[in-house]
Protein backbone atom coordinates (compact mmCIF):
# COMPACT_ATOMS: atom_id res chain seq x y z
CA UNK A 1 120.91 132.77 52.97
CA UNK A 2 123.45 135.06 54.81
CA UNK A 3 121.37 134.86 57.98
CA UNK A 4 120.73 131.55 57.80
CA UNK A 5 124.52 130.93 57.24
CA UNK A 6 125.39 133.32 60.17
CA UNK A 7 122.98 131.22 62.45
CA UNK A 8 124.43 127.75 61.11
CA UNK A 9 127.78 129.04 62.15
CA UNK A 10 126.80 130.27 65.43
CA UNK A 11 125.41 126.59 66.12
CA UNK A 12 128.52 124.88 65.12
CA UNK A 13 131.65 123.94 67.30
CA UNK A 14 133.84 126.70 66.09
CA UNK A 15 137.35 125.26 67.57
CA UNK A 16 136.46 122.00 65.96
CA UNK A 17 135.89 123.53 62.57
CA UNK A 18 138.92 125.96 62.96
CA UNK A 19 141.05 122.39 63.84
CA UNK A 20 139.40 120.68 61.04
CA UNK A 21 140.45 123.57 58.72
CA UNK A 22 143.76 123.70 59.70
CA UNK A 23 144.39 120.03 59.39
CA UNK A 24 143.18 120.22 55.72
CA UNK A 25 145.39 123.26 54.86
CA UNK A 26 148.32 121.52 56.31
CA UNK A 27 147.93 118.19 54.80
CA UNK A 28 147.17 119.96 51.15
CA UNK A 29 150.77 121.76 51.72
CA UNK A 30 152.25 118.40 52.86
CA UNK A 31 150.70 116.94 49.49
CA UNK A 32 152.14 119.84 47.55
CA UNK A 33 155.48 119.18 49.08
CA UNK A 34 155.17 115.50 48.40
CA UNK A 35 154.73 116.06 44.73
CA UNK A 36 157.14 118.65 44.42
CA UNK A 37 159.83 115.98 45.88
CA UNK A 38 158.97 113.40 43.37
CA UNK A 39 159.48 115.98 40.50
CA UNK A 40 162.74 116.81 41.97
CA UNK A 41 163.68 113.10 42.30
CA UNK A 42 162.92 112.67 38.52
CA UNK A 43 165.05 115.53 37.42
CA UNK A 44 168.22 114.20 39.41
CA UNK A 45 168.13 117.10 42.34
CA UNK A 46 168.11 114.86 45.23
CA UNK A 47 168.96 117.19 47.59
CA UNK A 48 165.87 119.35 47.41
CA UNK A 49 163.81 116.27 47.02
CA UNK A 50 164.92 114.91 50.07
CA UNK A 51 164.31 118.17 52.06
CA UNK A 52 160.78 118.40 50.49
CA UNK A 53 159.91 114.70 51.07
CA UNK A 54 161.30 115.44 54.91
CA UNK A 55 159.31 118.66 55.37
CA UNK A 56 156.07 116.91 53.88
CA UNK A 57 156.57 114.06 56.39
CA UNK A 58 156.91 116.60 59.39
CA UNK A 59 153.74 118.46 58.37
CA UNK A 60 151.73 115.28 58.29
CA UNK A 61 153.20 113.89 61.80
CA UNK A 62 152.46 117.43 62.95
CA UNK A 63 148.75 117.29 62.28
CA UNK A 64 148.41 113.53 63.67
CA UNK A 65 150.19 114.79 66.86
CA UNK A 66 148.89 118.41 67.53
CA UNK A 67 145.41 118.63 65.77
CA UNK A 68 144.16 115.00 65.51
CA UNK A 69 144.00 114.46 69.45
CA UNK A 70 142.24 117.93 69.72
CA UNK A 71 139.63 116.88 67.06
CA UNK A 72 139.03 113.37 68.79
CA UNK A 73 138.41 115.22 71.96
CA UNK A 74 135.74 117.17 70.85
CA UNK A 75 133.99 114.40 68.61
CA UNK A 76 131.33 111.99 70.30
CA UNK A 77 132.28 108.58 69.87
CA UNK A 78 128.73 107.22 71.07
CA UNK A 79 128.11 105.64 67.54
CA UNK A 80 131.04 103.06 68.22
CA UNK A 81 129.16 101.52 70.99
CA UNK A 82 126.39 100.70 69.05
CA UNK A 83 125.19 97.03 68.68
CA UNK A 84 124.25 96.81 64.75
CA UNK A 85 123.03 93.20 63.61
CA UNK A 86 123.39 92.64 59.98
CA UNK A 87 121.36 90.29 57.53
CA UNK A 88 122.02 89.97 54.10
CA UNK A 89 118.85 90.47 51.95
CA UNK A 90 117.53 88.79 48.80
CA UNK A 91 118.62 91.64 47.08
CA UNK A 92 121.88 91.36 48.56
CA UNK A 93 122.34 87.87 47.56
CA UNK A 94 121.95 88.92 43.78
CA UNK A 95 123.90 91.57 43.67
CA UNK A 96 127.37 89.57 45.32
CA UNK A 97 126.59 87.06 42.89
CA UNK A 98 126.76 89.44 40.10
CA UNK A 99 130.03 90.85 41.85
CA UNK A 100 131.54 87.34 41.65
CA UNK A 101 130.71 86.94 38.23
CA UNK A 102 132.43 90.26 37.29
CA UNK A 103 135.44 88.93 39.48
CA UNK A 104 135.78 85.81 37.76
CA UNK A 105 135.48 87.46 34.15
CA UNK A 106 137.90 90.18 35.36
CA UNK A 107 140.52 88.02 36.32
CA UNK A 108 140.03 85.51 33.17
CA UNK A 109 140.24 88.15 30.58
CA UNK A 110 142.18 90.88 32.23
CA UNK A 111 140.21 93.42 30.79
CA UNK A 112 140.43 96.98 32.33
CA UNK A 113 136.51 97.78 31.67
CA UNK A 114 135.94 94.72 33.87
CA UNK A 115 138.07 95.69 36.41
CA UNK A 116 136.81 99.32 36.53
CA UNK A 117 133.16 97.97 36.62
CA UNK A 118 134.10 95.57 39.53
CA UNK A 119 135.53 98.58 41.55
CA UNK A 120 132.44 100.54 41.03
CA UNK A 121 130.14 97.35 42.53
CA UNK A 122 132.56 97.18 45.44
CA UNK A 123 132.37 100.63 45.98
CA UNK A 124 128.45 100.39 45.84
CA UNK A 125 128.45 97.86 49.16
CA UNK A 126 131.01 100.23 50.75
CA UNK A 127 128.78 103.45 50.13
CA UNK A 128 125.79 101.31 51.13
CA UNK A 129 127.46 100.25 54.58
CA UNK A 130 128.41 103.73 55.43
CA UNK A 131 125.38 105.70 54.63
CA UNK A 132 123.11 103.28 56.40
CA UNK A 133 125.46 103.33 59.49
CA UNK A 134 125.29 107.10 59.23
CA UNK A 135 121.17 106.86 59.22
CA UNK A 136 121.40 104.89 62.06
CA UNK A 137 123.53 107.25 64.78
CA UNK A 138 122.14 109.66 66.59
CA UNK A 139 118.54 108.58 67.01
CA UNK A 140 116.53 108.48 70.27
CA UNK A 141 113.65 106.36 70.79
CA UNK A 142 110.46 106.89 73.14
CA UNK A 143 107.40 104.71 73.40
CA UNK A 144 104.45 105.89 75.16
CA UNK A 145 101.95 103.31 76.37
CA UNK A 146 98.40 104.00 78.00
CA UNK A 147 98.74 103.94 81.85
CA UNK A 148 95.83 101.17 82.26
CA UNK A 149 95.73 98.35 79.64
CA UNK A 150 93.05 95.55 79.51
CA UNK A 151 93.48 92.04 77.69
CA UNK A 152 91.59 91.61 74.66
CA UNK A 153 90.99 95.54 74.18
CA UNK A 154 93.00 97.53 71.42
CA UNK A 155 95.32 100.26 72.71
CA UNK A 156 97.40 102.92 70.64
CA UNK A 157 100.76 103.41 71.30
CA UNK A 158 102.76 106.44 70.26
CA UNK A 159 106.38 105.60 68.96
CA UNK A 160 108.65 108.74 68.55
CA UNK A 161 111.94 108.68 67.01
CA UNK A 162 114.21 111.79 67.21
CA UNK A 163 117.10 112.48 65.04
CA UNK A 164 119.96 114.31 67.16
CA UNK A 165 122.11 114.54 64.32
CA UNK A 166 123.09 118.29 63.61
CA UNK A 167 123.41 117.57 59.80
CA UNK A 168 122.13 114.58 58.35
CA UNK A 169 118.60 113.37 58.18
CA UNK A 170 117.42 109.52 58.45
CA UNK A 171 115.46 107.74 55.96
CA UNK A 172 113.50 104.58 55.92
CA UNK A 173 113.44 103.46 59.29
CA UNK A 174 111.68 100.50 60.97
CA UNK A 175 111.18 100.37 64.69
CA UNK A 176 110.67 96.47 65.77
CA UNK A 177 110.86 94.63 68.93
CA UNK A 178 114.26 93.32 69.54
CA UNK A 179 113.75 90.63 72.01
CA UNK A 180 113.06 87.01 71.09
CA UNK A 181 109.68 86.45 69.50
CA UNK A 182 107.18 85.30 72.16
CA UNK A 183 103.62 85.82 73.67
CA UNK A 184 104.94 88.14 76.09
CA UNK A 185 106.30 90.70 73.47
CA UNK A 186 104.93 94.13 73.66
CA UNK A 187 105.86 95.31 70.19
CA UNK A 188 104.62 92.77 67.81
CA UNK A 189 104.33 94.78 64.67
CA UNK A 190 106.92 97.19 62.90
CA UNK A 191 106.38 101.04 62.68
CA UNK A 192 107.65 102.82 59.68
CA UNK A 193 109.32 106.20 59.58
CA UNK A 194 110.22 107.29 55.78
CA UNK A 195 111.73 110.51 56.87
CA UNK A 196 113.43 112.32 59.67
CA UNK A 197 114.98 115.46 59.15
CA UNK A 198 117.88 116.62 61.32
CA UNK A 199 117.19 118.02 64.81
CA UNK A 200 113.76 116.99 64.48
CA UNK A 201 111.51 114.28 65.72
CA UNK A 202 108.70 112.08 63.88
CA UNK A 203 105.93 110.24 65.61
CA UNK A 204 103.62 107.21 64.89
CA UNK A 205 100.84 105.60 66.48
CA UNK A 206 100.54 101.88 66.54
CA UNK A 207 97.43 99.59 67.65
CA UNK A 208 98.65 96.90 69.73
CA UNK A 209 96.14 94.20 71.09
CA UNK A 210 97.25 91.81 74.24
CA UNK A 211 95.41 88.58 73.71
CA UNK A 212 95.65 87.48 77.91
CA UNK A 213 96.28 89.21 81.12
CA UNK A 214 99.63 89.23 82.97
CA UNK A 215 102.94 90.72 82.43
CA UNK A 216 104.57 91.57 79.15
CA UNK A 217 108.38 92.42 78.98
CA UNK A 218 110.35 94.02 76.19
CA UNK A 219 114.15 94.04 76.83
CA UNK A 220 114.95 96.08 73.82
CA UNK A 221 113.92 97.57 70.63
CA UNK A 222 115.74 97.60 67.20
CA UNK A 223 115.76 100.44 64.82
CA UNK A 224 116.19 98.70 61.17
CA UNK A 225 116.86 100.20 57.61
CA UNK A 226 117.58 98.67 54.30
CA UNK A 227 118.71 102.30 53.45
CA UNK A 228 120.11 103.19 50.73
CA UNK A 229 120.23 100.16 48.21
CA UNK A 230 118.44 97.26 49.89
CA UNK A 231 121.75 95.00 50.18
CA UNK A 232 121.85 94.45 53.67
CA UNK A 233 119.18 95.18 56.57
CA UNK A 234 120.79 96.87 59.62
CA UNK A 235 119.20 96.67 62.84
CA UNK A 236 120.53 98.79 65.60
CA UNK A 237 119.47 97.49 69.15
CA UNK A 238 118.27 100.03 71.65
CA UNK A 239 118.27 98.60 75.27
CA UNK A 240 114.96 99.84 76.86
CA UNK A 241 113.48 97.62 79.39
CA UNK A 242 110.01 98.18 79.45
CA UNK A 243 107.26 96.21 81.50
CA UNK A 244 103.70 96.27 81.15
CA UNK A 245 101.26 95.10 83.25
CA UNK A 246 97.56 94.11 81.28
CA UNK A 247 94.63 93.61 83.06
CA UNK A 248 92.02 90.81 83.03
CA UNK A 249 89.33 91.36 80.09
CA UNK A 250 86.50 92.89 82.13
CA UNK A 251 83.64 92.54 79.42
CA UNK A 252 80.89 90.66 81.45
CA UNK A 253 80.22 87.14 80.59
CA UNK A 254 77.31 84.97 80.63
CA UNK A 255 78.42 83.75 84.13
CA UNK A 256 78.43 87.26 85.36
CA UNK A 257 74.71 87.82 84.17
CA UNK A 258 73.89 84.78 85.81
CA UNK A 259 75.60 85.45 89.33
CA UNK A 260 74.52 89.18 89.31
CA UNK A 261 71.10 88.56 90.39
CA UNK A 262 71.76 86.03 93.09
CA UNK A 263 74.53 88.19 94.35
CA UNK A 264 71.98 91.00 94.61
CA UNK A 265 69.36 88.80 96.24
CA UNK A 266 72.25 87.70 98.78
CA UNK A 267 73.54 91.02 99.86
CA UNK A 268 70.03 92.31 100.24
CA UNK A 269 69.00 89.09 102.34
CA UNK A 270 72.25 89.85 104.21
CA UNK A 271 71.64 93.27 105.30
CA UNK A 272 67.83 92.88 105.79
CA UNK A 273 66.64 95.06 108.48
CA UNK A 274 69.48 97.59 108.29
CA UNK A 275 69.51 100.91 106.90
CA UNK A 276 65.94 101.99 107.26
CA UNK A 277 67.07 105.49 108.86
CA UNK A 278 65.53 108.21 106.57
CA UNK A 279 68.11 110.25 105.03
CA UNK A 280 66.22 112.67 103.13
CA UNK A 281 63.16 113.12 100.46
CA UNK A 282 63.91 114.52 96.92
CA UNK A 283 62.34 114.93 93.54
CA UNK A 284 60.98 111.64 91.82
CA UNK A 285 63.35 110.71 88.81
CA UNK A 286 62.12 108.35 85.98
CA UNK A 287 64.53 105.59 87.13
CA UNK A 288 63.11 105.29 90.70
CA UNK A 289 61.03 102.60 91.86
CA UNK A 290 57.56 103.69 93.17
CA UNK A 291 57.95 101.62 96.73
CA UNK A 292 59.95 104.60 97.72
CA UNK A 293 57.44 107.46 96.68
CA UNK A 294 56.41 109.72 99.77
CA UNK A 295 52.83 110.04 99.07
CA UNK A 296 52.25 112.83 101.86
CA UNK A 297 55.11 114.59 100.85
CA UNK A 298 54.17 114.30 97.37
CA UNK A 299 50.62 115.48 98.23
CA UNK A 300 51.88 118.72 100.02
CA UNK A 301 54.19 119.64 97.46
CA UNK A 302 52.17 118.76 94.46
CA UNK A 303 54.99 116.62 92.97
CA UNK A 304 56.22 113.27 93.50
CA UNK A 305 58.64 112.94 95.99
CA UNK A 306 61.05 110.02 96.81
CA UNK A 307 62.27 108.92 100.24
CA UNK A 308 66.29 108.12 100.48
CA UNK A 309 67.41 105.90 103.17
CA UNK A 310 70.92 105.49 104.96
CA UNK A 311 71.74 102.25 103.16
CA UNK A 312 75.54 102.27 102.70
CA UNK A 313 75.82 98.71 104.60
CA UNK A 314 74.27 97.12 101.47
CA UNK A 315 77.25 98.29 99.42
CA UNK A 316 79.95 96.85 101.39
CA UNK A 317 81.55 93.56 100.29
CA UNK A 318 84.74 91.59 100.53
CA UNK A 319 85.83 89.91 97.10
CA UNK A 320 88.10 87.12 97.63
CA UNK A 321 89.93 84.77 95.10
CA UNK A 322 91.38 81.43 96.42
CA UNK A 323 94.22 80.75 93.85
CA UNK A 324 94.58 77.12 95.19
CA UNK A 325 93.93 74.33 92.77
CA UNK A 326 95.23 71.33 93.97
CA UNK A 327 97.54 68.76 92.36
CA UNK A 328 96.33 67.68 88.72
CA UNK A 329 96.20 64.00 88.06
CA UNK A 330 96.83 64.29 84.29
CA UNK A 331 97.71 66.85 81.84
CA UNK A 332 94.30 67.38 80.47
CA UNK A 333 92.80 67.76 83.80
CA UNK A 334 95.74 70.63 84.66
CA UNK A 335 94.53 72.32 81.09
CA UNK A 336 90.93 72.25 82.40
CA UNK A 337 91.57 73.69 85.66
CA UNK A 338 93.73 76.01 84.24
CA UNK A 339 90.95 77.55 81.99
CA UNK A 340 88.61 77.47 85.03
CA UNK A 341 91.07 79.49 86.92
CA UNK A 342 91.16 82.11 84.12
CA UNK A 343 87.38 82.43 83.90
CA UNK A 344 87.49 82.85 87.67
CA UNK A 345 89.94 85.68 87.33
CA UNK A 346 88.02 87.54 84.67
CA UNK A 347 84.62 86.97 86.44
CA UNK A 348 86.49 88.40 89.67
CA UNK A 349 87.58 91.53 87.48
CA UNK A 350 84.06 92.01 86.33
CA UNK A 351 82.64 91.78 89.90
CA UNK A 352 84.94 94.23 90.90
CA UNK A 353 84.62 96.71 88.40
CA UNK A 354 80.83 96.51 88.82
CA UNK A 355 80.91 97.49 92.12
CA UNK A 356 83.57 99.88 91.11
CA UNK A 357 80.76 101.61 88.93
CA UNK A 358 78.09 101.52 91.49
CA UNK A 359 80.61 103.09 93.89
CA UNK A 360 80.47 100.58 96.63
CA UNK A 361 82.67 99.79 99.53
CA UNK A 362 84.88 96.83 98.74
CA UNK A 363 87.79 94.89 100.16
CA UNK A 364 89.74 92.60 97.85
CA UNK A 365 91.76 89.50 99.19
CA UNK A 366 94.09 86.86 97.99
CA UNK A 367 96.27 84.95 99.91
CA UNK A 368 99.26 87.38 99.37
CA UNK A 369 97.49 90.61 99.41
CA UNK A 370 94.67 92.29 100.99
CA UNK A 371 93.25 95.75 100.39
CA UNK A 372 91.75 97.77 103.15
CA UNK A 373 87.87 98.47 103.20
CA UNK A 374 87.44 101.56 100.99
CA UNK A 375 85.34 102.91 98.18
CA UNK A 376 85.98 100.55 95.34
CA UNK A 377 87.50 103.69 93.12
CA UNK A 378 90.30 103.74 95.08
CA UNK A 379 91.47 100.49 94.90
CA UNK A 380 90.20 99.19 91.65
CA UNK A 381 93.38 99.47 89.63
CA UNK A 382 95.30 97.59 92.61
CA UNK A 383 92.62 94.78 92.38
CA UNK A 384 93.54 94.83 88.57
CA UNK A 385 96.95 94.47 88.99
CA UNK A 386 96.74 91.95 91.49
CA UNK A 387 94.26 89.90 89.24
CA UNK A 388 96.87 90.33 86.07
CA UNK A 389 99.60 88.72 88.19
CA UNK A 390 97.78 86.02 90.41
CA UNK A 391 98.66 82.73 89.29
CA UNK A 392 97.27 79.00 90.18
CA UNK A 393 98.85 77.58 92.96
CA UNK A 394 99.01 73.78 93.10
CA UNK A 395 101.50 73.60 96.23
CA UNK A 396 98.99 74.75 98.93
CA UNK A 397 95.83 74.23 100.34
CA UNK A 398 93.26 77.19 100.43
CA UNK A 399 91.65 75.97 103.71
CA UNK A 400 93.88 78.33 105.66
CA UNK A 401 92.90 81.42 103.47
CA UNK A 402 89.24 80.56 103.81
CA UNK A 403 89.69 80.35 107.43
CA UNK A 404 91.20 83.97 107.58
CA UNK A 405 87.86 85.01 106.12
CA UNK A 406 85.93 83.65 109.00
CA UNK A 407 86.34 86.70 111.56
CA UNK A 408 85.06 88.92 108.86
CA UNK A 409 81.61 88.06 109.51
CA UNK A 410 80.29 91.44 109.56
CA UNK A 411 80.59 92.01 105.85
CA UNK A 412 78.99 89.96 102.72
CA UNK A 413 81.84 88.38 101.22
CA UNK A 414 81.84 86.81 97.66
CA UNK A 415 84.46 83.82 97.48
CA UNK A 416 85.57 82.14 94.26
CA UNK A 417 87.28 79.15 95.05
CA UNK A 418 87.90 75.65 93.81
CA UNK A 419 87.77 73.94 97.28
CA UNK A 420 84.88 71.10 97.65
CA UNK A 421 82.02 72.19 99.20
CA UNK A 422 82.40 70.16 102.45
CA UNK A 423 85.56 71.89 103.26
CA UNK A 424 84.15 75.11 103.57
CA UNK A 425 84.12 76.38 107.15
CA UNK A 426 80.34 76.54 108.52
CA UNK A 427 80.42 80.06 109.50
CA UNK A 428 81.27 81.75 106.14
CA UNK A 429 77.96 79.91 104.59
CA UNK A 430 75.69 82.68 106.24
CA UNK A 431 77.88 85.51 105.24
CA UNK A 432 79.22 84.66 102.06
CA UNK A 433 78.14 83.76 98.25
CA UNK A 434 80.50 81.28 96.86
CA UNK A 435 81.35 80.68 93.26
CA UNK A 436 83.19 77.37 92.52
CA UNK A 437 85.43 77.26 89.87
CA UNK A 438 84.20 73.97 88.68
CA UNK A 439 80.80 75.23 88.02
CA UNK A 440 81.94 78.12 85.42
CA UNK A 441 82.08 76.95 81.94
């Protein structure tokens, strides 16, 4: 125990504690002199009473002038800057109603016992406020989210609260989203921490689910408590601007499974006659097609051998999304177009992810951004980020964007657009596969 006390004393601010002890000792002496002055006054010895009272007042003034400023300079006043919101709970309403009844009874009867009960009830409110304020001070909040988040796929977020107080613990805390409620809020469920010791931290995991793609923002979080009696719910605001980009949902849809075979056929037709240079001969694998078996090499070695060709060009493509929808005639038509656009964005994400898994070389284009032609693994998250941000464009026509794709005739293109077929530039038809938004169900 002595070792613990010694370590505790070494970690303390000893000059501050010495000033505190000096202040308490001096004020105790001043109190004794004040009591002595009162006794002298009652016995008629006014001179001694006056001297004792003057000396007590001088000691109190010395403490306020010489010691209190030193202690204030060594005290952190950050807790005064905390923004704390108060909400009266149902229990608090009942308690205040009881206090009001006791006030009426005490005033009408003049009963000293009722006044003592009233004093205790009021003291309970005061103690509740002081303790709950102390629980909320000295806390640091940290929230960790995964680097990549997809819509409609649950993730685990880690919420950590650290108690920086040197002596007192914190009890019964909830971390909540303090911003206005809305679809773009990140933390939608409270995270509960029953107990956090001093100079320690506690961590909880919470499952989050984002129903749609886009940018989610949280301007602030709240640390909330009803400790100790539940009369008031206090929420300390913690400003922590956070932005989370949620990628589109990439689970393949029915449209994707219908379009993928057509895409494979179009790509093969586009590059027919290329890539017949022999690259290597290797052992047969169960997943290989029999049409690539090299029978001569198999006969010589006594084992099945497969011919590999240099066919990189078959896996080079441009994925383009045209967000221009044109002006909507009515609100139902606009809603229908927006739904089709969201399906197109999700389909574009699925196609990009498919060619990422196939290790293809890919370029992605929208009117406001274009990636280089490179391995899909190098740009896949840039593509998904752009698909998370992209919004329907009702002010501009997509004709200029489609015209910008014409010079890229050497690469196969997958174009998602809402433009009518008659407006598609003729040179694009021979090197592109078009997915029209009005065909998406």
